[in-house]
C-alpha atoms as a PDB file:
ATOM      1  CA  MET A   1      -8.554  -5.322  21.045  1.00  0.00           C
ATOM      2  CA  ASN A   2     -12.286  -5.756  20.935  1.00  0.00           C
ATOM      3  CA  ASP A   3     -13.956  -8.242  18.623  1.00  0.00           C
ATOM      4  CA  SER A   4     -14.402  -5.704  15.827  1.00  0.00           C
ATOM      5  CA  THR A   5     -10.696  -4.849  15.647  1.00  0.00           C
ATOM      6  CA  ALA A   6      -9.003  -8.105  16.629  1.00  0.00           C
ATOM      7  CA  PRO A   7      -7.220  -9.833  13.750  1.00  0.00           C
ATOM      8  CA  ARG A   8      -9.417 -12.488  12.181  1.00  0.00           C
ATOM      9  CA  ILE A   9      -6.325 -14.589  11.509  1.00  0.00           C
ATOM     10  CA  ALA A  10      -3.397 -13.975  13.828  1.00  0.00           C
ATOM     11  CA  PRO A  11       0.039 -13.616  12.251  1.00  0.00           C
ATOM     12  CA  ARG A  12       2.053 -16.813  12.526  1.00  0.00           C
ATOM     13  CA  THR A  13       4.595 -16.881  15.327  1.00  0.00           C
ATOM     14  CA  ASP A  14       8.101 -18.286  14.867  1.00  0.00           C
ATOM     15  CA  ASP A  15       6.995 -21.501  16.590  1.00  0.00           C
ATOM     16  CA  GLU A  16       4.130 -21.972  14.113  1.00  0.00           C
ATOM     17  CA  LEU A  17       6.312 -21.727  11.010  1.00  0.00           C
ATOM     18  CA  ASP A  18       7.559 -24.811   9.216  1.00  0.00           C
ATOM     19  CA  ASP A  19      11.024 -24.554   7.631  1.00  0.00           C
ATOM     20  CA  TYR A  20       9.652 -23.406   4.266  1.00  0.00           C
ATOM     21  CA  ALA A  21       7.465 -20.661   5.754  1.00  0.00           C
ATOM     22  CA  ALA A  22      10.266 -19.606   8.126  1.00  0.00           C
ATOM     23  CA  GLU A  23      12.580 -19.117   5.158  1.00  0.00           C
ATOM     24  CA  LEU A  24       9.973 -16.990   3.363  1.00  0.00           C
ATOM     25  CA  VAL A  25       9.287 -14.890   6.442  1.00  0.00           C
ATOM     26  CA  GLY A  26      13.007 -14.434   7.068  1.00  0.00           C
ATOM     27  CA  VAL A  27      13.158 -16.088  10.483  1.00  0.00           C
ATOM     28  CA  GLY A  28      16.723 -16.940  11.406  1.00  0.00           C
ATOM     29  CA  THR A  29      18.274 -14.500   8.926  1.00  0.00           C
ATOM     30  CA  GLY A  30      20.420 -12.902  11.587  1.00  0.00           C
ATOM     31  CA  ALA A  31      20.141 -10.847  14.736  1.00  0.00           C
ATOM     32  CA  ASP A  32      20.171  -7.609  12.746  1.00  0.00           C
ATOM     33  CA  ALA A  33      17.273  -8.633  10.521  1.00  0.00           C
ATOM     34  CA  PRO A  34      14.088  -6.646  11.167  1.00  0.00           C
ATOM     35  CA  PRO A  35      11.121  -8.667  12.370  1.00  0.00           C
ATOM     36  CA  ALA A  36       8.720  -9.744   9.657  1.00  0.00           C
ATOM     37  CA  HIS A  37       5.681  -7.518   9.327  1.00  0.00           C
ATOM     38  CA  ASN A  38       2.236  -8.706  10.382  1.00  0.00           C
ATOM     39  CA  LEU A  39       1.208  -8.815   6.719  1.00  0.00           C
ATOM     40  CA  ILE A  40       4.025 -11.234   5.852  1.00  0.00           C
ATOM     41  CA  ARG A  41       3.398 -13.363   8.945  1.00  0.00           C
ATOM     42  CA  THR A  42      -0.310 -13.542   8.123  1.00  0.00           C
ATOM     43  CA  LEU A  43       0.366 -14.466   4.505  1.00  0.00           C
ATOM     44  CA  ALA A  44       2.664 -17.198   5.879  1.00  0.00           C
ATOM     45  CA  TRP A  45      -0.471 -19.242   6.619  1.00  0.00           C
ATOM     46  CA  ASN A  46      -0.430 -19.817   2.840  1.00  0.00           C
ATOM     47  CA  PRO A  47       3.294 -20.253   2.021  1.00  0.00           C
ATOM     48  CA  GLY A  48       2.710 -20.978  -1.670  1.00  0.00           C
ATOM     49  CA  LEU A  49       0.847 -17.710  -2.082  1.00  0.00           C
ATOM     50  CA  LEU A  50       3.444 -15.816  -0.054  1.00  0.00           C
ATOM     51  CA  ARG A  51       6.270 -17.255  -2.168  1.00  0.00           C
ATOM     52  CA  ARG A  52       4.664 -15.925  -5.329  1.00  0.00           C
ATOM     53  CA  TRP A  53       3.542 -12.613  -3.824  1.00  0.00           C
ATOM     54  CA  ILE A  54       6.949 -11.546  -2.452  1.00  0.00           C
ATOM     55  CA  PRO A  55       8.621 -11.037  -5.862  1.00  0.00           C
ATOM     56  CA  TRP A  56       5.484  -9.405  -7.335  1.00  0.00           C
ATOM     57  CA  GLY A  57       5.095  -6.950  -4.467  1.00  0.00           C
ATOM     58  CA  GLY A  58       8.827  -6.373  -4.307  1.00  0.00           C
ATOM     59  CA  ARG A  59       8.961  -5.591  -8.013  1.00  0.00           C
ATOM     60  CA  LEU A  60       6.241  -2.960  -7.723  1.00  0.00           C
ATOM     61  CA  LEU A  61       7.706  -1.466  -4.561  1.00  0.00           C
ATOM     62  CA  ASN A  62      11.422  -1.540  -5.342  1.00  0.00           C
ATOM     63  CA  GLY A  63      11.855  -2.296  -9.021  1.00  0.00           C
ATOM     64  CA  GLY A  64       9.006  -0.590 -10.782  1.00  0.00           C
ATOM     65  CA  LYS A  65       9.138   2.012 -13.524  1.00  0.00           C
ATOM     66  CA  LEU A  66       7.132   4.683 -11.701  1.00  0.00           C
ATOM     67  CA  PRO A  67       9.148   7.273  -9.792  1.00  0.00           C
ATOM     68  CA  PRO A  68       9.084   6.361  -6.071  1.00  0.00           C
ATOM     69  CA  ARG A  69       7.313   9.593  -5.133  1.00  0.00           C
ATOM     70  CA  ALA A  70       4.542   9.006  -7.692  1.00  0.00           C
ATOM     71  CA  ARG A  71       4.204   5.399  -6.536  1.00  0.00           C
ATOM     72  CA  GLU A  72       3.786   6.499  -2.924  1.00  0.00           C
ATOM     73  CA  VAL A  73       1.212   9.171  -3.806  1.00  0.00           C
ATOM     74  CA  ALA A  74      -0.784   6.385  -5.460  1.00  0.00           C
ATOM     75  CA  ILE A  75      -0.405   3.911  -2.584  1.00  0.00           C
ATOM     76  CA  LEU A  76      -1.262   6.470   0.098  1.00  0.00           C
ATOM     77  CA  ARG A  77      -4.350   7.541  -1.843  1.00  0.00           C
ATOM     78  CA  ILE A  78      -5.411   3.905  -2.228  1.00  0.00           C
ATOM     79  CA  ALA A  79      -4.986   3.431   1.521  1.00  0.00           C
ATOM     80  CA  THR A  80      -7.085   6.535   2.130  1.00  0.00           C
ATOM     81  CA  ARG A  81      -9.874   5.558  -0.251  1.00  0.00           C
ATOM     82  CA  THR A  82     -10.069   1.976   1.022  1.00  0.00           C
ATOM     83  CA  GLY A  83      -9.612   2.832   4.691  1.00  0.00           C
ATOM     84  CA  SER A  84      -6.586   0.534   4.844  1.00  0.00           C
ATOM     85  CA  ASN A  85      -5.000   1.555   8.105  1.00  0.00           C
ATOM     86  CA  TYR A  86      -2.307  -1.099   7.685  1.00  0.00           C
ATOM     87  CA  GLU A  87      -1.339   0.023   4.175  1.00  0.00           C
ATOM     88  CA  TRP A  88      -1.262   3.661   5.294  1.00  0.00           C
ATOM     89  CA  SER A  89       0.885   2.891   8.338  1.00  0.00           C
ATOM     90  CA  GLN A  90       3.480   1.096   6.230  1.00  0.00           C
ATOM     91  CA  HIS A  91       3.719   3.735   3.511  1.00  0.00           C
ATOM     92  CA  VAL A  92       3.767   7.099   5.312  1.00  0.00           C
ATOM     93  CA  SER A  93       7.479   6.823   6.098  1.00  0.00           C
ATOM     94  CA  ILE A  94       8.217   5.339   2.661  1.00  0.00           C
ATOM     95  CA  GLY A  95       6.420   8.304   1.084  1.00  0.00           C
ATOM     96  CA  VAL A  96       8.379  10.807   3.152  1.00  0.00           C
ATOM     97  CA  GLY A  97      11.563   8.959   2.191  1.00  0.00           C
ATOM     98  CA  ALA A  98      10.518   9.271  -1.464  1.00  0.00           C
ATOM     99  CA  GLY A  99      10.270  13.051  -1.176  1.00  0.00           C
ATOM    100  CA  LEU A 100       6.779  13.808   0.129  1.00  0.00           C
ATOM    101  CA  THR A 101       6.465  16.319   2.943  1.00  0.00           C
ATOM    102  CA  ARG A 102       4.224  15.663   5.940  1.00  0.00           C
ATOM    103  CA  ASP A 103       1.853  18.352   4.681  1.00  0.00           C
ATOM    104  CA  GLN A 104       1.647  16.628   1.290  1.00  0.00           C
ATOM    105  CA  VAL A 105       0.981  13.266   2.951  1.00  0.00           C
ATOM    106  CA  ASP A 106      -1.852  14.864   4.922  1.00  0.00           C
ATOM    107  CA  GLN A 107      -3.286  16.403   1.744  1.00  0.00           C
ATOM    108  CA  ILE A 108      -3.238  13.028  -0.013  1.00  0.00           C
ATOM    109  CA  ALA A 109      -5.478  11.753   2.784  1.00  0.00           C
ATOM    110  CA  GLY A 110      -7.834  14.705   2.538  1.00  0.00           C
ATOM    111  CA  ASP A 111     -10.374  16.066   0.114  1.00  0.00           C
ATOM    112  CA  ASP A 112      -8.427  19.192  -0.863  1.00  0.00           C
ATOM    113  CA  ALA A 113      -5.309  18.522  -2.916  1.00  0.00           C
ATOM    114  CA  THR A 114      -5.264  21.930  -4.616  1.00  0.00           C
ATOM    115  CA  THR A 115      -1.824  22.870  -3.288  1.00  0.00           C
ATOM    116  CA  LEU A 116      -0.190  19.607  -4.347  1.00  0.00           C
ATOM    117  CA  GLU A 117       1.944  19.470  -7.473  1.00  0.00           C
ATOM    118  CA  PRO A 118       0.075  18.856 -10.753  1.00  0.00           C
ATOM    119  CA  ILE A 119       1.491  15.340 -11.085  1.00  0.00           C
ATOM    120  CA  ASP A 120       0.227  14.471  -7.587  1.00  0.00           C
ATOM    121  CA  ARG A 121      -3.246  15.820  -8.330  1.00  0.00           C
ATOM    122  CA  THR A 122      -3.386  13.823 -11.562  1.00  0.00           C
ATOM    123  CA  ILE A 123      -2.323  10.619  -9.796  1.00  0.00           C
ATOM    124  CA  ILE A 124      -4.952  11.227  -7.107  1.00  0.00           C
ATOM    125  CA  ALA A 125      -7.585  11.758  -9.814  1.00  0.00           C
ATOM    126  CA  ALA A 126      -6.544   8.487 -11.479  1.00  0.00           C
ATOM    127  CA  ILE A 127      -6.753   6.585  -8.191  1.00  0.00           C
ATOM    128  CA  ASP A 128     -10.150   8.064  -7.354  1.00  0.00           C
ATOM    129  CA  GLU A 129     -11.469   7.179 -10.815  1.00  0.00           C
ATOM    130  CA  LEU A 130     -10.156   3.619 -10.607  1.00  0.00           C
ATOM    131  CA  VAL A 131     -11.638   3.148  -7.135  1.00  0.00           C
ATOM    132  CA  ASP A 132     -14.996   4.651  -8.141  1.00  0.00           C
ATOM    133  CA  ASP A 133     -15.377   3.501 -11.755  1.00  0.00           C
ATOM    134  CA  ALA A 134     -12.637   0.906 -12.430  1.00  0.00           C
ATOM    135  CA  VAL A 135     -11.352   3.029 -15.341  1.00  0.00           C
ATOM    136  CA  ILE A 136      -9.218   6.139 -15.825  1.00  0.00           C
ATOM    137  CA  SER A 137     -11.113   8.907 -17.656  1.00  0.00           C
ATOM    138  CA  GLU A 138      -9.942  10.300 -20.992  1.00  0.00           C
ATOM    139  CA  GLN A 139      -9.042  13.649 -19.399  1.00  0.00           C
ATOM    140  CA  THR A 140      -6.954  12.100 -16.635  1.00  0.00           C
ATOM    141  CA  TRP A 141      -5.345   9.633 -19.049  1.00  0.00           C
ATOM    142  CA  SER A 142      -4.317  12.500 -21.338  1.00  0.00           C
ATOM    143  CA  GLU A 143      -2.688  14.263 -18.399  1.00  0.00           C
ATOM    144  CA  LEU A 144      -0.919  11.075 -17.285  1.00  0.00           C
ATOM    145  CA  ALA A 145       0.316  10.455 -20.844  1.00  0.00           C
ATOM    146  CA  GLU A 146       2.023  13.859 -20.793  1.00  0.00           C
ATOM    147  CA  MET A 147       3.826  12.956 -17.555  1.00  0.00           C
ATOM    148  CA  PHE A 148       4.724   9.287 -17.949  1.00  0.00           C
ATOM    149  CA  GLN A 149       6.247   6.908 -20.480  1.00  0.00           C
ATOM    150  CA  PRO A 150       4.236   3.907 -21.793  1.00  0.00           C
ATOM    151  CA  ALA A 151       5.882   1.451 -19.361  1.00  0.00           C
ATOM    152  CA  GLN A 152       4.870   3.703 -16.466  1.00  0.00           C
ATOM    153  CA  LEU A 153       1.329   4.064 -17.819  1.00  0.00           C
ATOM    154  CA  VAL A 154       1.023   0.266 -17.904  1.00  0.00           C
ATOM    155  CA  GLU A 155       2.396  -0.010 -14.387  1.00  0.00           C
ATOM    156  CA  LEU A 156       0.092   2.534 -12.723  1.00  0.00           C
ATOM    157  CA  PRO A 157      -3.188   0.569 -13.012  1.00  0.00           C
ATOM    158  CA  MET A 158      -1.302  -2.638 -12.135  1.00  0.00           C
ATOM    159  CA  LEU A 159       0.056  -0.952  -9.003  1.00  0.00           C
ATOM    160  CA  VAL A 160      -3.441   0.203  -8.114  1.00  0.00           C
ATOM    161  CA  GLY A 161      -4.838  -3.299  -8.571  1.00  0.00           C
ATOM    162  CA  ALA A 162      -2.086  -4.832  -6.454  1.00  0.00           C
ATOM    163  CA  TYR A 163      -2.522  -2.369  -3.602  1.00  0.00           C
ATOM    164  CA  MET A 164      -6.309  -2.556  -3.764  1.00  0.00           C
ATOM    165  CA  GLY A 165      -5.846  -6.290  -3.252  1.00  0.00           C
ATOM    166  CA  ILE A 166      -3.602  -5.659  -0.257  1.00  0.00           C
ATOM    167  CA  ALA A 167      -6.210  -3.263   1.141  1.00  0.00           C
ATOM    168  CA  TYR A 168      -8.935  -5.895   0.720  1.00  0.00           C
ATOM    169  CA  LEU A 169      -6.732  -8.422   2.513  1.00  0.00           C
ATOM    170  CA  THR A 170      -5.573  -6.189   5.371  1.00  0.00           C
ATOM    171  CA  ASN A 171      -9.063  -4.794   5.966  1.00  0.00           C
ATOM    172  CA  SER A 172     -10.842  -8.152   5.761  1.00  0.00           C
ATOM    173  CA  LEU A 173      -8.354  -9.988   7.971  1.00  0.00           C
ATOM    174  CA  ARG A 174      -7.965  -6.946  10.250  1.00  0.00           C
ATOM    175  CA  ILE A 175      -4.193  -7.182  10.125  1.00  0.00           C
ATOM    176  CA  ALA A 176      -2.860  -5.109  13.019  1.00  0.00           C
ATOM    177  CA  VAL A 177      -0.635  -2.082  12.511  1.00  0.00           C
ATOM    178  CA  GLU A 178       2.846  -2.625  13.913  1.00  0.00           C
ATOM    179  CA  PRO A 179       3.544  -0.747  17.165  1.00  0.00           C
ATOM    180  CA  GLY A 180       4.927   2.742  16.695  1.00  0.00           C
ATOM    181  CA  LEU A 181       3.465   3.329  13.236  1.00  0.00           C
ATOM    182  CA  GLU A 182       0.856   5.984  12.655  1.00  0.00           C
ATOM    183  CA  SER A 183      -2.742   5.284  11.828  1.00  0.00           C
ATOM    184  CA  LEU A 184      -4.742   6.582   8.905  1.00  0.00           C
ATOM    185  CA  PRO A 185      -6.317   9.947   9.756  1.00  0.00           C
ATOM    186  CA  ARG A 186     -10.076   9.860  10.143  1.00  0.00           C
ATOM    187  CA  ARG A 187     -11.896  11.448   7.234  1.00  0.00           C
ATOM    188  CA  PRO A 188     -15.172  13.274   7.551  1.00  0.00           C
ATOM    189  CA  ASP A 189     -18.203  11.277   6.472  1.00  0.00           C
ATOM    190  CA  ARG A 190     -18.451  11.581   2.706  1.00  0.00           C
ATOM    191  CA  SER A 191     -22.174  10.756   2.510  1.00  0.00           C
END
């Protein structure tokens, strides 16, 4: 990696982890355990933060009120809008597992979502408005309110805020994409 793409803070290796951080990262949890992601190993430099972030992120990812497909449309659009290669790489397969097709994933990353389902287009509009203006417009909110229950409407902007934070972190620290995962497609210059 050249200087502009090298991680600013390298993920902690097993040898660098104290017992507390090793437990959080999952080191020593068995031979079948998947290796901890670069994001988790980088956050392990601040074990107190990691300890509090794991249940929060896990709740949004695995225990939230939004349907998984809707959640992944939102996360993939956030990754696209923020240029978070790491976030994108982690969520493409999750999105496909949640019911998105490869063509739909590609459309989420593009500027033309006209063939996506209405719910997807509305979620994309909400993400774009939050990224651009930090508020969901009345029109988009009305559409969301027809599709989601109040608990889901509360969760959507919280999910966006959480994943915007992850994008800020992964982009600023230049956290490397794990080998074998796909990178965010390049978008034409929007200027």
